[in-house]
Amino acid sequence: MRQILVFGGILASVLLTAATAKALVVAAPSIPDHFLSADCVIVGKVKLIEKKSVEAAPYKNANTKVTYQVAVVEIESAIKGAKGLTTIRVGFQPVVQTPQPPKPVPGAPQIIRRPVGFGRKNLVAGEEYLLYLKPHFQETFHVAPMYFDIVPKKNNKSFESEVALLKRCARLLENPKEGLNAKDPHDRLLTAALLLSQFSRRPEGAKNVRREPVEQELSSAILKAIASVDWSGQGWRQVDPTSRLSAFAVFNRLGLTPKDGWNPRFRNFVVEFPAAAQKWLKQNQNTFRIHRWVEVK
């Protein structure tokens, strides 16, 4: 199960060998953040794997090329992007299963082997997947750059709930003002989280950017949505099992500093934090301005 992460990548140290050798891998983001970071999110079945592989650079200015296999995916549900398309070509770097090393011989020197293609998955003809995609910068196919961008349906108990949450994210972002005023408090909180993550993203490919305040009406609605959920008892830090968010996590996405009037010092954090957060939200909901990144042209 994914962990809820405050927006921004968090690196996790993962043990790769029985020895002391370690590597750092990017932890999977929360589902709402994952939804926002992808250009295209679909559910589909792999129709076929093209026979001819493609040699291409994995990213701009790469010094080497890698081998891509290309899957033709029949789109069953276009959650984000891919509207009007029935199929989409997806390039993936095939993972070759390496043979198991021989059993160690007592007294003999040990050979340490690192796993190849950590976390990557092959797309298999006939199988269904949830795919988080970006267009390849040069080729005519899309790619799933990270190991968590390919989610197989087979033997995955959380597949349907993840798809349902992604569809919910798409619906709320279509009309965020309606989402911020929804009857369901979890919808209000999820809409606020999506907007805050969206505002914190720099425009991709932009050379010159700056921070600008969002409209006061929208900024106030976001703060009211955060304040309106359950802050009593332990409700403020309880994670909604569907959206996988808590009021505490979304409040932290505001990125408040002493300049914003937020400089509390707690002797008992669990008891004092929710009251302080609610007080700040109430006092500042009509004056505080959330900022977003915009491209300067």
C-alpha atoms as a PDB file:
ATOM      1  CA  MET A   1       0.000   0.000   0.000  1.00  0.00           C
ATOM      2  CA  ARG A   2       1.288   3.454  -0.829  1.00  0.00           C
ATOM      3  CA  GLN A   3       2.282   5.835   1.914  1.00  0.00           C
ATOM      4  CA  ILE A   4       0.819   9.328   1.978  1.00  0.00           C
ATOM      5  CA  LEU A   5       3.634  11.736   1.289  1.00  0.00           C
ATOM      6  CA  VAL A   6       3.782  15.507   1.649  1.00  0.00           C
ATOM      7  CA  PHE A   7       4.160  16.881  -1.894  1.00  0.00           C
ATOM      8  CA  GLY A   8       7.704  16.602  -3.163  1.00  0.00           C
ATOM      9  CA  GLY A   9       9.776  13.473  -3.706  1.00  0.00           C
ATOM     10  CA  ILE A  10      11.011  11.575  -0.659  1.00  0.00           C
ATOM     11  CA  LEU A  11      13.963   9.264  -1.105  1.00  0.00           C
ATOM     12  CA  ALA A  12      13.931   5.869   0.571  1.00  0.00           C
ATOM     13  CA  SER A  13      17.013   3.786   1.150  1.00  0.00           C
ATOM     14  CA  VAL A  14      16.438   0.289  -0.169  1.00  0.00           C
ATOM     15  CA  LEU A  15      18.621  -2.677   0.617  1.00  0.00           C
ATOM     16  CA  LEU A  16      19.748  -4.224  -2.658  1.00  0.00           C
ATOM     17  CA  THR A  17      22.178  -6.881  -1.504  1.00  0.00           C
ATOM     18  CA  ALA A  18      23.002  -8.926   1.543  1.00  0.00           C
ATOM     19  CA  ALA A  19      26.155  -6.850   1.826  1.00  0.00           C
ATOM     20  CA  THR A  20      26.381  -3.178   2.696  1.00  0.00           C
ATOM     21  CA  ALA A  21      25.809  -1.923  -0.857  1.00  0.00           C
ATOM     22  CA  LYS A  22      22.702   0.282  -1.024  1.00  0.00           C
ATOM     23  CA  ALA A  23      20.942   2.390  -3.646  1.00  0.00           C
ATOM     24  CA  LEU A  24      18.430   5.196  -3.389  1.00  0.00           C
ATOM     25  CA  VAL A  25      15.098   4.898  -5.170  1.00  0.00           C
ATOM     26  CA  VAL A  26      12.258   7.376  -5.386  1.00  0.00           C
ATOM     27  CA  ALA A  27       9.316   6.398  -3.200  1.00  0.00           C
ATOM     28  CA  ALA A  28       5.931   6.106  -4.879  1.00  0.00           C
ATOM     29  CA  PRO A  29       3.861   9.289  -4.503  1.00  0.00           C
ATOM     30  CA  SER A  30       0.332   9.435  -3.159  1.00  0.00           C
ATOM     31  CA  ILE A  31      -2.298   8.561  -5.758  1.00  0.00           C
ATOM     32  CA  PRO A  32      -3.589  12.174  -6.121  1.00  0.00           C
ATOM     33  CA  ASP A  33      -0.023  13.449  -6.669  1.00  0.00           C
ATOM     34  CA  HIS A  34       0.656  10.601  -9.104  1.00  0.00           C
ATOM     35  CA  PHE A  35      -2.473  11.565 -11.039  1.00  0.00           C
ATOM     36  CA  LEU A  36      -1.279  15.172 -11.364  1.00  0.00           C
ATOM     37  CA  SER A  37       2.264  14.298 -12.434  1.00  0.00           C
ATOM     38  CA  ALA A  38       1.182  12.140 -15.393  1.00  0.00           C
ATOM     39  CA  ASP A  39       0.232  13.574 -18.783  1.00  0.00           C
ATOM     40  CA  CYS A  40      -2.013  10.620 -19.469  1.00  0.00           C
ATOM     41  CA  VAL A  41      -3.666   8.062 -17.155  1.00  0.00           C
ATOM     42  CA  ILE A  42      -5.467   5.094 -18.693  1.00  0.00           C
ATOM     43  CA  VAL A  43      -6.758   1.636 -17.966  1.00  0.00           C
ATOM     44  CA  GLY A  44      -6.246  -0.741 -20.860  1.00  0.00           C
ATOM     45  CA  LYS A  45      -5.404  -4.203 -22.118  1.00  0.00           C
ATOM     46  CA  VAL A  46      -2.241  -4.953 -24.072  1.00  0.00           C
ATOM     47  CA  LYS A  47      -3.376  -5.968 -27.529  1.00  0.00           C
ATOM     48  CA  LEU A  48       0.043  -6.952 -28.838  1.00  0.00           C
ATOM     49  CA  ILE A  49       3.777  -6.360 -28.472  1.00  0.00           C
ATOM     50  CA  GLU A  50       5.337  -5.009 -31.651  1.00  0.00           C
ATOM     51  CA  LYS A  51       8.014  -7.340 -33.050  1.00  0.00           C
ATOM     52  CA  LYS A  52      10.490  -4.572 -33.841  1.00  0.00           C
ATOM     53  CA  SER A  53      12.185  -2.953 -30.861  1.00  0.00           C
ATOM     54  CA  VAL A  54      13.254   0.714 -30.837  1.00  0.00           C
ATOM     55  CA  GLU A  55      16.623   2.142 -29.844  1.00  0.00           C
ATOM     56  CA  ALA A  56      16.077   5.601 -28.350  1.00  0.00           C
ATOM     57  CA  ALA A  57      17.431   7.993 -25.729  1.00  0.00           C
ATOM     58  CA  PRO A  58      15.464   7.700 -22.465  1.00  0.00           C
ATOM     59  CA  TYR A  59      15.483  11.482 -21.953  1.00  0.00           C
ATOM     60  CA  LYS A  60      16.789  14.671 -23.555  1.00  0.00           C
ATOM     61  CA  ASN A  61      20.579  15.001 -23.745  1.00  0.00           C
ATOM     62  CA  ALA A  62      21.101  11.398 -22.662  1.00  0.00           C
ATOM     63  CA  ASN A  63      24.560  10.052 -23.566  1.00  0.00           C
ATOM     64  CA  THR A  64      23.299   6.581 -24.432  1.00  0.00           C
ATOM     65  CA  LYS A  65      20.284   4.924 -25.974  1.00  0.00           C
ATOM     66  CA  VAL A  66      18.182   2.128 -24.484  1.00  0.00           C
ATOM     67  CA  THR A  67      16.069  -0.582 -26.038  1.00  0.00           C
ATOM     68  CA  TYR A  68      12.311  -0.133 -25.945  1.00  0.00           C
ATOM     69  CA  GLN A  69       9.712  -2.759 -26.683  1.00  0.00           C
ATOM     70  CA  VAL A  70       6.450  -1.185 -27.800  1.00  0.00           C
ATOM     71  CA  ALA A  71       3.068  -2.415 -26.600  1.00  0.00           C
ATOM     72  CA  VAL A  72      -0.151  -1.510 -28.372  1.00  0.00           C
ATOM     73  CA  VAL A  73      -2.662  -0.935 -25.578  1.00  0.00           C
ATOM     74  CA  GLU A  74      -6.408  -0.990 -26.145  1.00  0.00           C
ATOM     75  CA  ILE A  75      -7.854   1.787 -23.986  1.00  0.00           C
ATOM     76  CA  GLU A  76     -10.720   0.703 -21.754  1.00  0.00           C
ATOM     77  CA  SER A  77     -10.911   3.925 -19.719  1.00  0.00           C
ATOM     78  CA  ALA A  78      -9.212   7.260 -20.463  1.00  0.00           C
ATOM     79  CA  ILE A  79      -9.047   8.831 -17.004  1.00  0.00           C
ATOM     80  CA  LYS A  80      -6.752  11.708 -17.963  1.00  0.00           C
ATOM     81  CA  GLY A  81      -5.678  12.627 -21.476  1.00  0.00           C
ATOM     82  CA  ALA A  82      -6.081  10.242 -24.433  1.00  0.00           C
ATOM     83  CA  LYS A  83      -9.629  11.480 -24.976  1.00  0.00           C
ATOM     84  CA  GLY A  84     -11.074  10.069 -28.183  1.00  0.00           C
ATOM     85  CA  LEU A  85      -8.294   7.482 -28.599  1.00  0.00           C
ATOM     86  CA  THR A  86      -9.028   3.771 -28.744  1.00  0.00           C
ATOM     87  CA  THR A  87      -5.407   2.555 -28.638  1.00  0.00           C
ATOM     88  CA  ILE A  88      -2.077   3.972 -27.521  1.00  0.00           C
ATOM     89  CA  ARG A  89       1.512   2.816 -28.090  1.00  0.00           C
ATOM     90  CA  VAL A  90       3.551   2.433 -24.897  1.00  0.00           C
ATOM     91  CA  GLY A  91       7.304   1.930 -24.902  1.00  0.00           C
ATOM     92  CA  PHE A  92       8.899   0.025 -22.027  1.00  0.00           C
ATOM     93  CA  GLN A  93      12.386  -1.228 -21.297  1.00  0.00           C
ATOM     94  CA  PRO A  94      12.086  -5.006 -21.080  1.00  0.00           C
ATOM     95  CA  VAL A  95      13.359  -6.661 -17.946  1.00  0.00           C
ATOM     96  CA  VAL A  96      15.319  -9.821 -18.658  1.00  0.00           C
ATOM     97  CA  GLN A  97      15.191 -12.399 -15.926  1.00  0.00           C
ATOM     98  CA  THR A  98      18.730 -13.178 -14.818  1.00  0.00           C
ATOM     99  CA  PRO A  99      19.580 -16.734 -13.770  1.00  0.00           C
ATOM    100  CA  GLN A 100      19.888 -17.451 -10.073  1.00  0.00           C
ATOM    101  CA  PRO A 101      23.525 -17.380  -8.889  1.00  0.00           C
ATOM    102  CA  PRO A 102      24.976 -20.681  -7.758  1.00  0.00           C
ATOM    103  CA  LYS A 103      24.862 -21.522  -4.090  1.00  0.00           C
ATOM    104  CA  PRO A 104      27.875 -20.151  -2.204  1.00  0.00           C
ATOM    105  CA  VAL A 105      30.672 -22.538  -1.457  1.00  0.00           C
ATOM    106  CA  PRO A 106      31.885 -22.339   2.152  1.00  0.00           C
ATOM    107  CA  GLY A 107      35.178 -20.493   2.296  1.00  0.00           C
ATOM    108  CA  ALA A 108      34.995 -19.271  -1.324  1.00  0.00           C
ATOM    109  CA  PRO A 109      34.830 -15.514  -2.146  1.00  0.00           C
ATOM    110  CA  GLN A 110      31.263 -14.211  -2.464  1.00  0.00           C
ATOM    111  CA  ILE A 111      30.059 -12.467  -5.627  1.00  0.00           C
ATOM    112  CA  ILE A 112      27.545  -9.663  -5.010  1.00  0.00           C
ATOM    113  CA  ARG A 113      25.031  -9.101  -7.795  1.00  0.00           C
ATOM    114  CA  ARG A 114      22.718  -6.103  -7.929  1.00  0.00           C
ATOM    115  CA  PRO A 115      19.209  -6.713  -9.321  1.00  0.00           C
ATOM    116  CA  VAL A 116      18.705  -5.449 -12.864  1.00  0.00           C
ATOM    117  CA  GLY A 117      15.894  -2.978 -13.603  1.00  0.00           C
ATOM    118  CA  PHE A 118      14.757  -2.541 -10.004  1.00  0.00           C
ATOM    119  CA  GLY A 119      10.958  -2.477  -9.844  1.00  0.00           C
ATOM    120  CA  ARG A 120      10.431  -2.264 -13.617  1.00  0.00           C
ATOM    121  CA  LYS A 121       7.702  -4.388 -15.180  1.00  0.00           C
ATOM    122  CA  ASN A 122       7.219  -5.909 -18.604  1.00  0.00           C
ATOM    123  CA  LEU A 123       3.927  -5.315 -20.388  1.00  0.00           C
ATOM    124  CA  VAL A 124       2.414  -8.654 -21.385  1.00  0.00           C
ATOM    125  CA  ALA A 125      -0.016  -9.237 -24.244  1.00  0.00           C
ATOM    126  CA  GLY A 126      -3.528  -9.973 -22.989  1.00  0.00           C
ATOM    127  CA  GLU A 127      -2.962  -8.460 -19.533  1.00  0.00           C
ATOM    128  CA  GLU A 128      -4.734  -5.366 -18.144  1.00  0.00           C
ATOM    129  CA  TYR A 129      -2.915  -2.428 -16.606  1.00  0.00           C
ATOM    130  CA  LEU A 130      -3.363   0.987 -15.077  1.00  0.00           C
ATOM    131  CA  LEU A 131      -0.761   3.207 -16.778  1.00  0.00           C
ATOM    132  CA  TYR A 132       0.615   6.613 -15.809  1.00  0.00           C
ATOM    133  CA  LEU A 133       2.164   7.911 -19.026  1.00  0.00           C
ATOM    134  CA  LYS A 134       4.173  10.720 -20.569  1.00  0.00           C
ATOM    135  CA  PRO A 135       4.903  11.166 -24.289  1.00  0.00           C
ATOM    136  CA  HIS A 136       8.460  10.226 -25.265  1.00  0.00           C
ATOM    137  CA  PHE A 137      10.260  13.462 -26.107  1.00  0.00           C
ATOM    138  CA  GLN A 138      11.364  12.147 -29.517  1.00  0.00           C
ATOM    139  CA  GLU A 139       9.532   8.965 -30.494  1.00  0.00           C
ATOM    140  CA  THR A 140       5.868   8.412 -31.371  1.00  0.00           C
ATOM    141  CA  PHE A 141       5.013   6.377 -28.279  1.00  0.00           C
ATOM    142  CA  HIS A 142       4.339   7.131 -24.623  1.00  0.00           C
ATOM    143  CA  VAL A 143       6.461   5.876 -21.742  1.00  0.00           C
ATOM    144  CA  ALA A 144       5.936   4.970 -18.092  1.00  0.00           C
ATOM    145  CA  PRO A 145       9.229   6.393 -16.731  1.00  0.00           C
ATOM    146  CA  MET A 146       9.100   5.213 -13.113  1.00  0.00           C
ATOM    147  CA  TYR A 147       8.789   1.735 -11.694  1.00  0.00           C
ATOM    148  CA  PHE A 148       5.426   2.648 -10.106  1.00  0.00           C
ATOM    149  CA  ASP A 149       3.903   3.961 -13.384  1.00  0.00           C
ATOM    150  CA  ILE A 150       2.832   0.476 -14.517  1.00  0.00           C
ATOM    151  CA  VAL A 151       0.181  -1.053 -12.240  1.00  0.00           C
ATOM    152  CA  PRO A 152      -0.926  -4.572 -13.259  1.00  0.00           C
ATOM    153  CA  LYS A 153      -4.478  -5.673 -12.543  1.00  0.00           C
ATOM    154  CA  LYS A 154      -3.568  -9.335 -12.149  1.00  0.00           C
ATOM    155  CA  ASN A 155      -3.335 -10.411  -8.495  1.00  0.00           C
ATOM    156  CA  ASN A 156      -3.757  -6.797  -7.357  1.00  0.00           C
ATOM    157  CA  LYS A 157      -6.487  -6.404  -4.718  1.00  0.00           C
ATOM    158  CA  SER A 158      -6.182  -2.590  -4.636  1.00  0.00           C
ATOM    159  CA  PHE A 159      -6.435  -2.137  -8.420  1.00  0.00           C
ATOM    160  CA  GLU A 160     -10.130  -1.247  -8.574  1.00  0.00           C
ATOM    161  CA  SER A 161      -9.964   1.141  -5.610  1.00  0.00           C
ATOM    162  CA  GLU A 162      -6.992   2.964  -7.157  1.00  0.00           C
ATOM    163  CA  VAL A 163      -8.833   3.347 -10.474  1.00  0.00           C
ATOM    164  CA  ALA A 164     -11.938   4.599  -8.656  1.00  0.00           C
ATOM    165  CA  LEU A 165      -9.891   7.199  -6.766  1.00  0.00           C
ATOM    166  CA  LEU A 166      -8.239   8.407  -9.981  1.00  0.00           C
ATOM    167  CA  LYS A 167     -11.636   8.856 -11.626  1.00  0.00           C
ATOM    168  CA  ARG A 168     -12.738  10.769  -8.542  1.00  0.00           C
ATOM    169  CA  CYS A 169      -9.680  13.054  -8.825  1.00  0.00           C
ATOM    170  CA  ALA A 170     -10.481  13.746 -12.481  1.00  0.00           C
ATOM    171  CA  ARG A 171     -14.112  14.552 -11.641  1.00  0.00           C
ATOM    172  CA  LEU A 172     -13.211  16.935  -8.816  1.00  0.00           C
ATOM    173  CA  LEU A 173     -10.634  18.819 -10.892  1.00  0.00           C
ATOM    174  CA  GLU A 174     -13.149  19.337 -13.684  1.00  0.00           C
ATOM    175  CA  ASN A 175     -15.082  21.607 -11.314  1.00  0.00           C
ATOM    176  CA  PRO A 176     -12.874  22.391  -8.287  1.00  0.00           C
ATOM    177  CA  LYS A 177     -15.193  25.053  -6.849  1.00  0.00           C
ATOM    178  CA  GLU A 178     -17.955  22.468  -6.681  1.00  0.00           C
ATOM    179  CA  GLY A 179     -15.523  19.989  -5.117  1.00  0.00           C
ATOM    180  CA  LEU A 180     -14.480  22.460  -2.420  1.00  0.00           C
ATOM    181  CA  ASN A 181     -18.140  22.873  -1.447  1.00  0.00           C
ATOM    182  CA  ALA A 182     -19.152  19.217  -1.799  1.00  0.00           C
ATOM    183  CA  LYS A 183     -21.353  17.572   0.834  1.00  0.00           C
ATOM    184  CA  ASP A 184     -18.761  14.841   1.410  1.00  0.00           C
ATOM    185  CA  PRO A 185     -15.941  16.263   3.609  1.00  0.00           C
ATOM    186  CA  HIS A 186     -13.499  13.790   2.049  1.00  0.00           C
ATOM    187  CA  ASP A 187     -14.258  15.265  -1.381  1.00  0.00           C
ATOM    188  CA  ARG A 188     -13.596  18.750  -0.010  1.00  0.00           C
ATOM    189  CA  LEU A 189     -10.268  17.679   1.457  1.00  0.00           C
ATOM    190  CA  LEU A 190      -9.239  15.779  -1.686  1.00  0.00           C
ATOM    191  CA  THR A 191     -10.060  18.789  -3.888  1.00  0.00           C
ATOM    192  CA  ALA A 192      -7.978  21.058  -1.653  1.00  0.00           C
ATOM    193  CA  ALA A 193      -5.057  18.606  -1.775  1.00  0.00           C
ATOM    194  CA  LEU A 194      -5.222  18.350  -5.567  1.00  0.00           C
ATOM    195  CA  LEU A 195      -5.265  22.121  -6.028  1.00  0.00           C
ATOM    196  CA  LEU A 196      -2.398  22.697  -3.599  1.00  0.00           C
ATOM    197  CA  SER A 197      -0.296  20.071  -5.388  1.00  0.00           C
ATOM    198  CA  GLN A 198      -1.200  21.572  -8.748  1.00  0.00           C
ATOM    199  CA  PHE A 199      -0.204  25.067  -7.613  1.00  0.00           C
ATOM    200  CA  SER A 200       3.141  23.826  -6.258  1.00  0.00           C
ATOM    201  CA  ARG A 201       4.227  22.355  -9.605  1.00  0.00           C
ATOM    202  CA  ARG A 202       6.503  24.342 -11.866  1.00  0.00           C
ATOM    203  CA  PRO A 203       5.311  24.468 -15.494  1.00  0.00           C
ATOM    204  CA  GLU A 204       7.154  21.651 -17.259  1.00  0.00           C
ATOM    205  CA  GLY A 205       9.752  22.884 -19.727  1.00  0.00           C
ATOM    206  CA  ALA A 206       9.396  26.535 -18.685  1.00  0.00           C
ATOM    207  CA  LYS A 207      12.688  28.445 -18.458  1.00  0.00           C
ATOM    208  CA  ASN A 208      11.383  31.446 -16.532  1.00  0.00           C
ATOM    209  CA  VAL A 209       8.835  31.028 -13.761  1.00  0.00           C
ATOM    210  CA  ARG A 210       7.531  33.031 -10.839  1.00  0.00           C
ATOM    211  CA  ARG A 211       5.073  32.664  -7.980  1.00  0.00           C
ATOM    212  CA  GLU A 212       1.758  34.479  -8.244  1.00  0.00           C
ATOM    213  CA  PRO A 213      -1.170  34.567  -5.804  1.00  0.00           C
ATOM    214  CA  VAL A 214      -4.328  32.715  -6.761  1.00  0.00           C
ATOM    215  CA  GLU A 215      -7.681  34.476  -6.595  1.00  0.00           C
ATOM    216  CA  GLN A 216      -8.694  35.380  -3.048  1.00  0.00           C
ATOM    217  CA  GLU A 217     -12.041  33.593  -3.464  1.00  0.00           C
ATOM    218  CA  LEU A 218     -10.331  30.329  -4.429  1.00  0.00           C
ATOM    219  CA  SER A 219      -7.662  30.647  -1.738  1.00  0.00           C
ATOM    220  CA  SER A 220     -10.349  31.216   0.911  1.00  0.00           C
ATOM    221  CA  ALA A 221     -12.386  28.243  -0.338  1.00  0.00           C
ATOM    222  CA  ILE A 222      -9.365  25.939   0.003  1.00  0.00           C
ATOM    223  CA  LEU A 223      -8.707  27.035   3.593  1.00  0.00           C
ATOM    224  CA  LYS A 224     -12.393  26.645   4.472  1.00  0.00           C
ATOM    225  CA  ALA A 225     -12.411  23.143   2.958  1.00  0.00           C
ATOM    226  CA  ILE A 226      -9.449  22.117   5.114  1.00  0.00           C
ATOM    227  CA  ALA A 227     -11.045  23.638   8.216  1.00  0.00           C
ATOM    228  CA  SER A 228     -14.391  21.941   7.576  1.00  0.00           C
ATOM    229  CA  VAL A 229     -13.248  18.339   7.990  1.00  0.00           C
ATOM    230  CA  ASP A 230     -13.112  16.472  11.298  1.00  0.00           C
ATOM    231  CA  TRP A 231     -10.440  18.015  13.531  1.00  0.00           C
ATOM    232  CA  SER A 232     -11.844  16.589  16.761  1.00  0.00           C
ATOM    233  CA  GLY A 233     -10.055  13.924  18.772  1.00  0.00           C
ATOM    234  CA  GLN A 234      -7.664  12.121  16.434  1.00  0.00           C
ATOM    235  CA  GLY A 235      -9.714  12.945  13.317  1.00  0.00           C
ATOM    236  CA  TRP A 236      -7.139  15.471  12.100  1.00  0.00           C
ATOM    237  CA  ARG A 237      -4.480  12.802  11.595  1.00  0.00           C
ATOM    238  CA  GLN A 238      -6.659   9.885  10.562  1.00  0.00           C
ATOM    239  CA  VAL A 239      -6.104   8.882   6.944  1.00  0.00           C
ATOM    240  CA  ASP A 240      -9.171   8.526   4.754  1.00  0.00           C
ATOM    241  CA  PRO A 241      -8.892   4.954   3.361  1.00  0.00           C
ATOM    242  CA  THR A 242     -10.170   6.068  -0.040  1.00  0.00           C
ATOM    243  CA  SER A 243      -8.241   9.269  -0.736  1.00  0.00           C
ATOM    244  CA  ARG A 244      -5.416   8.266   1.647  1.00  0.00           C
ATOM    245  CA  LEU A 245      -5.184  11.821   2.931  1.00  0.00           C
ATOM    246  CA  SER A 246      -5.507  13.398   6.365  1.00  0.00           C
ATOM    247  CA  ALA A 247      -6.314  16.958   7.431  1.00  0.00           C
ATOM    248  CA  PHE A 248      -2.813  17.140   8.936  1.00  0.00           C
ATOM    249  CA  ALA A 249      -1.130  16.207   5.627  1.00  0.00           C
ATOM    250  CA  VAL A 250      -3.187  18.664   3.569  1.00  0.00           C
ATOM    251  CA  PHE A 251      -2.661  21.505   6.083  1.00  0.00           C
ATOM    252  CA  ASN A 252       1.091  20.957   5.783  1.00  0.00           C
ATOM    253  CA  ARG A 253       0.838  21.426   2.001  1.00  0.00           C
ATOM    254  CA  LEU A 254       0.145  25.109   2.650  1.00  0.00           C
ATOM    255  CA  GLY A 255       3.860  25.495   3.454  1.00  0.00           C
ATOM    256  CA  LEU A 256       3.256  28.071   6.170  1.00  0.00           C
ATOM    257  CA  THR A 257       6.103  30.078   7.710  1.00  0.00           C
ATOM    258  CA  PRO A 258       6.367  32.659  10.510  1.00  0.00           C
ATOM    259  CA  LYS A 259       5.730  35.336   7.860  1.00  0.00           C
ATOM    260  CA  ASP A 260       2.260  33.835   7.484  1.00  0.00           C
ATOM    261  CA  GLY A 261       1.636  34.055  11.220  1.00  0.00           C
ATOM    262  CA  TRP A 262       2.347  30.360  11.772  1.00  0.00           C
ATOM    263  CA  ASN A 263       5.093  29.862  14.333  1.00  0.00           C
ATOM    264  CA  PRO A 264       3.578  27.695  17.040  1.00  0.00           C
ATOM    265  CA  ARG A 265       5.578  26.027  19.770  1.00  0.00           C
ATOM    266  CA  PHE A 266       3.936  22.973  21.246  1.00  0.00           C
ATOM    267  CA  ARG A 267       4.612  21.273  24.529  1.00  0.00           C
ATOM    268  CA  ASN A 268       2.088  18.590  23.618  1.00  0.00           C
ATOM    269  CA  PHE A 269       1.885  18.432  19.819  1.00  0.00           C
ATOM    270  CA  VAL A 270      -0.962  15.894  19.616  1.00  0.00           C
ATOM    271  CA  VAL A 271      -3.202  18.001  21.839  1.00  0.00           C
ATOM    272  CA  GLU A 272      -2.198  21.526  20.823  1.00  0.00           C
ATOM    273  CA  PHE A 273      -1.629  21.260  17.059  1.00  0.00           C
ATOM    274  CA  PRO A 274      -5.242  20.739  15.906  1.00  0.00           C
ATOM    275  CA  ALA A 275      -6.497  23.715  17.934  1.00  0.00           C
ATOM    276  CA  ALA A 276      -3.684  25.942  16.628  1.00  0.00           C
ATOM    277  CA  ALA A 277      -4.298  24.859  13.022  1.00  0.00           C
ATOM    278  CA  GLN A 278      -8.044  25.464  13.258  1.00  0.00           C
ATOM    279  CA  LYS A 279      -7.445  28.883  14.835  1.00  0.00           C
ATOM    280  CA  TRP A 280      -5.023  29.884  12.048  1.00  0.00           C
ATOM    281  CA  LEU A 281      -7.415  28.679   9.312  1.00  0.00           C
ATOM    282  CA  LYS A 282     -10.298  30.664  10.810  1.00  0.00           C
ATOM    283  CA  GLN A 283      -8.290  33.857  11.311  1.00  0.00           C
ATOM    284  CA  ASN A 284      -6.644  33.818   7.880  1.00  0.00           C
ATOM    285  CA  GLN A 285      -9.227  32.296   5.549  1.00  0.00           C
ATOM    286  CA  ASN A 286     -10.228  35.691   4.107  1.00  0.00           C
ATOM    287  CA  THR A 287      -6.763  37.259   3.898  1.00  0.00           C
ATOM    288  CA  PHE A 288      -4.155  34.556   3.231  1.00  0.00           C
ATOM    289  CA  ARG A 289      -3.274  34.062  -0.432  1.00  0.00           C
ATOM    290  CA  ILE A 290      -2.068  30.717  -1.744  1.00  0.00           C
ATOM    291  CA  HIS A 291       0.527  31.097  -4.534  1.00  0.00           C
ATOM    292  CA  ARG A 292       1.145  29.076  -7.679  1.00  0.00           C
ATOM    293  CA  TRP A 293       3.976  28.760 -10.191  1.00  0.00           C
ATOM    294  CA  VAL A 294       3.368  30.402 -13.574  1.00  0.00           C
ATOM    295  CA  GLU A 295       5.547  30.715 -16.643  1.00  0.00           C
ATOM    296  CA  VAL A 296       6.923  34.157 -17.469  1.00  0.00           C
ATOM    297  CA  LYS A 297       6.822  34.729 -21.209  1.00  0.00           C
END
